[in-house]
C-alpha atoms as a PDB file:
ATOM      1  CA  UNK A   1      79.714 156.686  75.315  1.00  0.00           C
ATOM      2  CA  UNK A   2      78.967 160.096  76.803  1.00  0.00           C
ATOM      3  CA  UNK A   3      75.306 160.351  77.770  1.00  0.00           C
ATOM      4  CA  UNK A   4      75.603 163.578  79.737  1.00  0.00           C
ATOM      5  CA  UNK A   5      73.035 166.170  78.712  1.00  0.00           C
ATOM      6  CA  UNK A   6      74.645 169.600  78.301  1.00  0.00           C
ATOM      7  CA  UNK A   7      73.277 172.235  80.688  1.00  0.00           C
ATOM      8  CA  UNK A   8      71.750 175.563  79.744  1.00  0.00           C
ATOM      9  CA  UNK A   9      74.308 178.266  80.516  1.00  0.00           C
ATOM     10  CA  UNK A  10      72.936 181.559  81.808  1.00  0.00           C
ATOM     11  CA  UNK A  11      74.876 184.743  82.497  1.00  0.00           C
ATOM     12  CA  UNK A  12      73.441 187.208  85.022  1.00  0.00           C
ATOM     13  CA  UNK A  13      74.894 190.697  84.547  1.00  0.00           C
ATOM     14  CA  UNK A  14      74.083 193.002  87.453  1.00  0.00           C
ATOM     15  CA  UNK A  15      75.910 195.529  89.633  1.00  0.00           C
ATOM     16  CA  UNK A  16      74.213 194.111  92.734  1.00  0.00           C
ATOM     17  CA  UNK A  17      76.187 190.938  93.502  1.00  0.00           C
ATOM     18  CA  UNK A  18      73.756 189.745  96.172  1.00  0.00           C
ATOM     19  CA  UNK A  19      70.842 189.930  93.770  1.00  0.00           C
ATOM     20  CA  UNK A  20      72.796 188.308  90.940  1.00  0.00           C
ATOM     21  CA  UNK A  21      74.138 185.477  93.121  1.00  0.00           C
ATOM     22  CA  UNK A  22      70.688 184.892  94.569  1.00  0.00           C
ATOM     23  CA  UNK A  23      69.234 184.544  91.085  1.00  0.00           C
ATOM     24  CA  UNK A  24      72.047 182.221  90.080  1.00  0.00           C
ATOM     25  CA  UNK A  25      71.481 180.054  93.143  1.00  0.00           C
ATOM     26  CA  UNK A  26      67.768 179.723  92.438  1.00  0.00           C
ATOM     27  CA  UNK A  27      68.327 178.996  88.760  1.00  0.00           C
ATOM     28  CA  UNK A  28      70.874 176.292  89.449  1.00  0.00           C
ATOM     29  CA  UNK A  29      68.348 174.368  91.519  1.00  0.00           C
ATOM     30  CA  UNK A  30      66.771 173.430  88.208  1.00  0.00           C
ATOM     31  CA  UNK A  31      68.151 170.403  86.342  1.00  0.00           C
ATOM     32  CA  UNK A  32      70.638 171.033  83.519  1.00  0.00           C
ATOM     33  CA  UNK A  33      70.919 174.765  84.257  1.00  0.00           C
ATOM     34  CA  UNK A  34      74.186 176.564  84.997  1.00  0.00           C
ATOM     35  CA  UNK A  35      74.029 180.218  86.072  1.00  0.00           C
ATOM     36  CA  UNK A  36      76.979 182.556  86.647  1.00  0.00           C
ATOM     37  CA  UNK A  37      77.266 186.139  87.852  1.00  0.00           C
ATOM     38  CA  UNK A  38      79.258 188.247  85.385  1.00  0.00           C
ATOM     39  CA  UNK A  39      80.478 191.869  85.377  1.00  0.00           C
ATOM     40  CA  UNK A  40      78.590 194.427  83.333  1.00  0.00           C
ATOM     41  CA  UNK A  41      79.919 194.448  79.756  1.00  0.00           C
ATOM     42  CA  UNK A  42      81.858 197.282  78.157  1.00  0.00           C
ATOM     43  CA  UNK A  43      83.900 197.727  74.996  1.00  0.00           C
ATOM     44  CA  UNK A  44      87.198 197.706  76.882  1.00  0.00           C
ATOM     45  CA  UNK A  45      87.078 194.164  78.256  1.00  0.00           C
ATOM     46  CA  UNK A  46      88.279 190.994  76.637  1.00  0.00           C
ATOM     47  CA  UNK A  47      85.983 188.023  76.256  1.00  0.00           C
ATOM     48  CA  UNK A  48      84.378 187.403  79.640  1.00  0.00           C
ATOM     49  CA  UNK A  49      82.819 184.077  78.865  1.00  0.00           C
ATOM     50  CA  UNK A  50      81.765 182.039  75.875  1.00  0.00           C
ATOM     51  CA  UNK A  51      78.693 180.316  74.567  1.00  0.00           C
ATOM     52  CA  UNK A  52      76.046 181.669  76.912  1.00  0.00           C
ATOM     53  CA  UNK A  53      72.572 180.470  76.045  1.00  0.00           C
ATOM     54  CA  UNK A  54      70.843 183.343  77.863  1.00  0.00           C
ATOM     55  CA  UNK A  55      72.084 186.718  79.131  1.00  0.00           C
ATOM     56  CA  UNK A  56      70.036 188.499  81.805  1.00  0.00           C
ATOM     57  CA  UNK A  57      70.980 192.174  82.083  1.00  0.00           C
ATOM     58  CA  UNK A  58      69.693 195.532  83.309  1.00  0.00           C
ATOM     59  CA  UNK A  59      70.459 198.010  80.480  1.00  0.00           C
ATOM     60  CA  UNK A  60      70.032 200.873  82.950  1.00  0.00           C
ATOM     61  CA  UNK A  61      73.230 199.882  84.776  1.00  0.00           C
ATOM     62  CA  UNK A  62      75.551 200.649  81.887  1.00  0.00           C
ATOM     63  CA  UNK A  63      76.220 203.673  79.705  1.00  0.00           C
ATOM     64  CA  UNK A  64      76.048 201.446  76.630  1.00  0.00           C
ATOM     65  CA  UNK A  65      72.948 201.626  74.479  1.00  0.00           C
ATOM     66  CA  UNK A  66      70.848 198.451  74.099  1.00  0.00           C
ATOM     67  CA  UNK A  67      72.300 197.998  70.603  1.00  0.00           C
ATOM     68  CA  UNK A  68      75.861 198.273  71.969  1.00  0.00           C
ATOM     69  CA  UNK A  69      75.050 195.832  74.771  1.00  0.00           C
ATOM     70  CA  UNK A  70      73.791 193.339  72.202  1.00  0.00           C
ATOM     71  CA  UNK A  71      76.894 193.815  70.056  1.00  0.00           C
ATOM     72  CA  UNK A  72      79.299 193.249  72.963  1.00  0.00           C
ATOM     73  CA  UNK A  73      77.496 190.236  74.380  1.00  0.00           C
ATOM     74  CA  UNK A  74      77.151 188.569  70.994  1.00  0.00           C
ATOM     75  CA  UNK A  75      80.838 189.094  70.285  1.00  0.00           C
ATOM     76  CA  UNK A  76      81.971 187.828  73.681  1.00  0.00           C
ATOM     77  CA  UNK A  77      79.362 185.272  74.636  1.00  0.00           C
ATOM     78  CA  UNK A  78      78.230 183.327  71.563  1.00  0.00           C
ATOM     79  CA  UNK A  79      75.037 185.204  70.650  1.00  0.00           C
ATOM     80  CA  UNK A  80      72.920 184.484  73.742  1.00  0.00           C
ATOM     81  CA  UNK A  81      69.213 185.233  73.926  1.00  0.00           C
ATOM     82  CA  UNK A  82      68.899 188.580  75.736  1.00  0.00           C
ATOM     83  CA  UNK A  83      66.530 189.252  78.623  1.00  0.00           C
ATOM     84  CA  UNK A  84      66.173 192.795  79.948  1.00  0.00           C
ATOM     85  CA  UNK A  85      65.800 192.754  83.740  1.00  0.00           C
ATOM     86  CA  UNK A  86      64.870 196.332  84.621  1.00  0.00           C
ATOM     87  CA  UNK A  87      64.596 198.535  87.683  1.00  0.00           C
ATOM     88  CA  UNK A  88      63.222 201.418  85.638  1.00  0.00           C
ATOM     89  CA  UNK A  89      62.410 201.535  81.951  1.00  0.00           C
ATOM     90  CA  UNK A  90      61.071 204.170  79.579  1.00  0.00           C
ATOM     91  CA  UNK A  91      59.231 203.738  76.304  1.00  0.00           C
ATOM     92  CA  UNK A  92      62.389 204.736  74.429  1.00  0.00           C
ATOM     93  CA  UNK A  93      64.562 202.197  76.279  1.00  0.00           C
ATOM     94  CA  UNK A  94      62.037 199.408  75.825  1.00  0.00           C
ATOM     95  CA  UNK A  95      61.720 200.094  72.098  1.00  0.00           C
ATOM     96  CA  UNK A  96      65.520 200.325  71.749  1.00  0.00           C
ATOM     97  CA  UNK A  97      65.914 196.940  73.470  1.00  0.00           C
ATOM     98  CA  UNK A  98      63.336 195.374  71.192  1.00  0.00           C
ATOM     99  CA  UNK A  99      65.084 196.809  68.128  1.00  0.00           C
ATOM    100  CA  UNK A 100      68.435 195.478  69.421  1.00  0.00           C
ATOM    101  CA  UNK A 101      67.055 191.944  69.605  1.00  0.00           C
ATOM    102  CA  UNK A 102      66.157 191.553  73.279  1.00  0.00           C
ATOM    103  CA  UNK A 103      63.624 188.736  73.579  1.00  0.00           C
ATOM    104  CA  UNK A 104      62.573 189.041  77.218  1.00  0.00           C
ATOM    105  CA  UNK A 105      61.441 192.013  79.327  1.00  0.00           C
ATOM    106  CA  UNK A 106      60.834 191.814  83.081  1.00  0.00           C
ATOM    107  CA  UNK A 107      60.900 194.204  86.051  1.00  0.00           C
ATOM    108  CA  UNK A 108      63.127 193.217  88.957  1.00  0.00           C
ATOM    109  CA  UNK A 109      59.987 193.100  91.078  1.00  0.00           C
ATOM    110  CA  UNK A 110      58.673 190.144  89.047  1.00  0.00           C
ATOM    111  CA  UNK A 111      58.267 186.780  90.763  1.00  0.00           C
ATOM    112  CA  UNK A 112      61.065 184.267  90.202  1.00  0.00           C
ATOM    113  CA  UNK A 113      58.613 181.985  88.390  1.00  0.00           C
ATOM    114  CA  UNK A 114      58.192 184.745  85.798  1.00  0.00           C
ATOM    115  CA  UNK A 115      61.953 184.821  85.205  1.00  0.00           C
ATOM    116  CA  UNK A 116      61.960 181.043  84.738  1.00  0.00           C
ATOM    117  CA  UNK A 117      59.089 181.354  82.274  1.00  0.00           C
ATOM    118  CA  UNK A 118      60.950 184.089  80.381  1.00  0.00           C
ATOM    119  CA  UNK A 119      64.080 181.924  80.129  1.00  0.00           C
ATOM    120  CA  UNK A 120      62.077 178.982  78.816  1.00  0.00           C
ATOM    121  CA  UNK A 121      60.337 181.245  76.292  1.00  0.00           C
ATOM    122  CA  UNK A 122      63.489 182.805  74.848  1.00  0.00           C
ATOM    123  CA  UNK A 123      65.267 179.434  74.703  1.00  0.00           C
ATOM    124  CA  UNK A 124      62.330 178.236  72.617  1.00  0.00           C
ATOM    125  CA  UNK A 125      62.726 181.168  70.218  1.00  0.00           C
ATOM    126  CA  UNK A 126      59.753 183.147  71.549  1.00  0.00           C
ATOM    127  CA  UNK A 127      59.426 186.527  73.258  1.00  0.00           C
ATOM    128  CA  UNK A 128      58.425 187.053  76.869  1.00  0.00           C
ATOM    129  CA  UNK A 129      57.062 190.476  77.794  1.00  0.00           C
ATOM    130  CA  UNK A 130      55.884 191.073  81.337  1.00  0.00           C
ATOM    131  CA  UNK A 131      52.494 192.748  81.555  1.00  0.00           C
ATOM    132  CA  UNK A 132      54.180 195.710  83.274  1.00  0.00           C
ATOM    133  CA  UNK A 133      55.922 196.558  80.012  1.00  0.00           C
ATOM    134  CA  UNK A 134      53.180 195.629  77.563  1.00  0.00           C
ATOM    135  CA  UNK A 135      52.019 199.231  77.126  1.00  0.00           C
ATOM    136  CA  UNK A 136      55.606 200.490  76.787  1.00  0.00           C
ATOM    137  CA  UNK A 137      56.327 198.089  73.954  1.00  0.00           C
ATOM    138  CA  UNK A 138      53.070 198.790  72.148  1.00  0.00           C
ATOM    139  CA  UNK A 139      53.639 201.228  69.308  1.00  0.00           C
ATOM    140  CA  UNK A 140      51.043 203.988  69.640  1.00  0.00           C
ATOM    141  CA  UNK A 141      49.242 204.805  66.410  1.00  0.00           C
ATOM    142  CA  UNK A 142      50.634 207.804  64.614  1.00  0.00           C
ATOM    143  CA  UNK A 143      48.271 210.773  64.740  1.00  0.00           C
ATOM    144  CA  UNK A 144      46.465 211.394  61.500  1.00  0.00           C
ATOM    145  CA  UNK A 145      47.980 214.471  59.855  1.00  0.00           C
ATOM    146  CA  UNK A 146      45.658 217.407  59.500  1.00  0.00           C
ATOM    147  CA  UNK A 147      44.645 218.302  55.991  1.00  0.00           C
ATOM    148  CA  UNK A 148      45.140 221.817  54.731  1.00  0.00           C
ATOM    149  CA  UNK A 149      42.367 224.379  54.429  1.00  0.00           C
ATOM    150  CA  UNK A 150      42.415 224.030  50.644  1.00  0.00           C
ATOM    151  CA  UNK A 151      41.215 220.438  51.088  1.00  0.00           C
ATOM    152  CA  UNK A 152      37.924 221.780  52.448  1.00  0.00           C
ATOM    153  CA  UNK A 153      34.944 222.283  50.201  1.00  0.00           C
ATOM    154  CA  UNK A 154      33.759 225.862  49.775  1.00  0.00           C
ATOM    155  CA  UNK A 155      30.778 225.230  52.066  1.00  0.00           C
ATOM    156  CA  UNK A 156      32.907 223.596  54.777  1.00  0.00           C
ATOM    157  CA  UNK A 157      35.373 226.487  54.704  1.00  0.00           C
ATOM    158  CA  UNK A 158      32.579 229.098  54.813  1.00  0.00           C
ATOM    159  CA  UNK A 159      30.902 227.420  57.775  1.00  0.00           C
ATOM    160  CA  UNK A 160      34.141 227.062  59.768  1.00  0.00           C
ATOM    161  CA  UNK A 161      35.123 230.673  59.079  1.00  0.00           C
ATOM    162  CA  UNK A 162      31.667 231.831  60.168  1.00  0.00           C
ATOM    163  CA  UNK A 163      31.833 229.732  63.344  1.00  0.00           C
ATOM    164  CA  UNK A 164      35.251 231.248  64.093  1.00  0.00           C
ATOM    165  CA  UNK A 165      33.715 234.726  63.739  1.00  0.00           C
ATOM    166  CA  UNK A 166      31.177 233.849  66.419  1.00  0.00           C
ATOM    167  CA  UNK A 167      28.122 233.185  64.280  1.00  0.00           C
ATOM    168  CA  UNK A 168      25.607 230.557  65.394  1.00  0.00           C
ATOM    169  CA  UNK A 169      24.628 227.622  63.197  1.00  0.00           C
ATOM    170  CA  UNK A 170      21.175 229.183  62.801  1.00  0.00           C
ATOM    171  CA  UNK A 171      22.658 232.455  61.548  1.00  0.00           C
ATOM    172  CA  UNK A 172      24.892 230.645  59.076  1.00  0.00           C
ATOM    173  CA  UNK A 173      21.919 228.588  57.914  1.00  0.00           C
ATOM    174  CA  UNK A 174      19.873 231.715  57.229  1.00  0.00           C
ATOM    175  CA  UNK A 175      22.741 233.169  55.193  1.00  0.00           C
ATOM    176  CA  UNK A 176      23.016 230.036  53.065  1.00  0.00           C
ATOM    177  CA  UNK A 177      19.310 229.174  53.066  1.00  0.00           C
ATOM    178  CA  UNK A 178      20.112 225.816  54.686  1.00  0.00           C
ATOM    179  CA  UNK A 179      18.904 224.095  57.842  1.00  0.00           C
ATOM    180  CA  UNK A 180      20.920 224.197  61.048  1.00  0.00           C
ATOM    181  CA  UNK A 181      21.320 220.431  60.775  1.00  0.00           C
ATOM    182  CA  UNK A 182      22.950 220.768  57.351  1.00  0.00           C
ATOM    183  CA  UNK A 183      25.248 223.514  58.674  1.00  0.00           C
ATOM    184  CA  UNK A 184      26.208 221.201  61.556  1.00  0.00           C
ATOM    185  CA  UNK A 185      27.126 218.524  58.992  1.00  0.00           C
ATOM    186  CA  UNK A 186      29.415 220.924  57.111  1.00  0.00           C
ATOM    187  CA  UNK A 187      30.987 222.009  60.412  1.00  0.00           C
ATOM    188  CA  UNK A 188      31.600 218.418  61.475  1.00  0.00           C
ATOM    189  CA  UNK A 189      33.097 217.415  58.117  1.00  0.00           C
ATOM    190  CA  UNK A 190      35.418 220.410  58.027  1.00  0.00           C
ATOM    191  CA  UNK A 191      36.483 219.908  61.652  1.00  0.00           C
ATOM    192  CA  UNK A 192      37.252 216.238  60.984  1.00  0.00           C
ATOM    193  CA  UNK A 193      39.406 217.074  57.975  1.00  0.00           C
ATOM    194  CA  UNK A 194      41.416 219.569  60.020  1.00  0.00           C
ATOM    195  CA  UNK A 195      41.499 217.454  63.199  1.00  0.00           C
ATOM    196  CA  UNK A 196      39.761 220.184  65.185  1.00  0.00           C
ATOM    197  CA  UNK A 197      37.833 219.473  68.371  1.00  0.00           C
ATOM    198  CA  UNK A 198      35.253 222.105  69.335  1.00  0.00           C
ATOM    199  CA  UNK A 199      34.687 225.792  68.690  1.00  0.00           C
ATOM    200  CA  UNK A 200      37.826 226.932  70.492  1.00  0.00           C
ATOM    201  CA  UNK A 201      40.027 224.775  68.246  1.00  0.00           C
ATOM    202  CA  UNK A 202      38.239 226.175  65.191  1.00  0.00           C
ATOM    203  CA  UNK A 203      38.867 229.743  66.368  1.00  0.00           C
ATOM    204  CA  UNK A 204      42.558 229.036  67.066  1.00  0.00           C
ATOM    205  CA  UNK A 205      42.976 227.446  63.639  1.00  0.00           C
ATOM    206  CA  UNK A 206      41.213 230.405  62.004  1.00  0.00           C
ATOM    207  CA  UNK A 207      43.585 232.849  63.693  1.00  0.00           C
ATOM    208  CA  UNK A 208      46.668 230.835  62.667  1.00  0.00           C
ATOM    209  CA  UNK A 209      45.374 230.614  59.111  1.00  0.00           C
ATOM    210  CA  UNK A 210      44.528 234.307  58.825  1.00  0.00           C
ATOM    211  CA  UNK A 211      40.794 233.734  58.486  1.00  0.00           C
ATOM    212  CA  UNK A 212      40.093 236.166  61.298  1.00  0.00           C
ATOM    213  CA  UNK A 213      42.101 238.916  62.945  1.00  0.00           C
END
């Protein structure tokens, strides 16, 4: 009866052999963990290995996109969980890795304990994102589109046009027989609808829209 517990097989893909071998050596000090240094993947190679549980790779060291990296590794290595191990990373690269199915994200400056934690997380089906990359992987809210001038009420449009022509709120109020506070309310509502911040933005919008010459 075979009671041997199969080890976790980890592939470390990196152009720096000293770094990769050092990581492999540290990983193999853990029970039931086998780590091997492998060449960077490309579409021209035959199967490099099979049935990796985890692949640790720096996407910046290959001309392949994160999606292509994932395709190659899954075809050659048995669909391993992917961990990005980065020197440098941009928002676009981080988002592309996430879309390609990478489950871990760490900088190469991270402590070894963090790499061990990331491996344990991805093997358990979770994601591990180092705090360094948290902001990069956070999708910024899309700016609210500005409404068009025709979405303004007549009073809001009149007030903004008057402000753009250099009139004070008091002068506009006298013209409309309204208080300065009410004029300020119309100005604020119109500015909010058009996503305008301050008098200068109102003037620039008025010029673009042909309100003033």
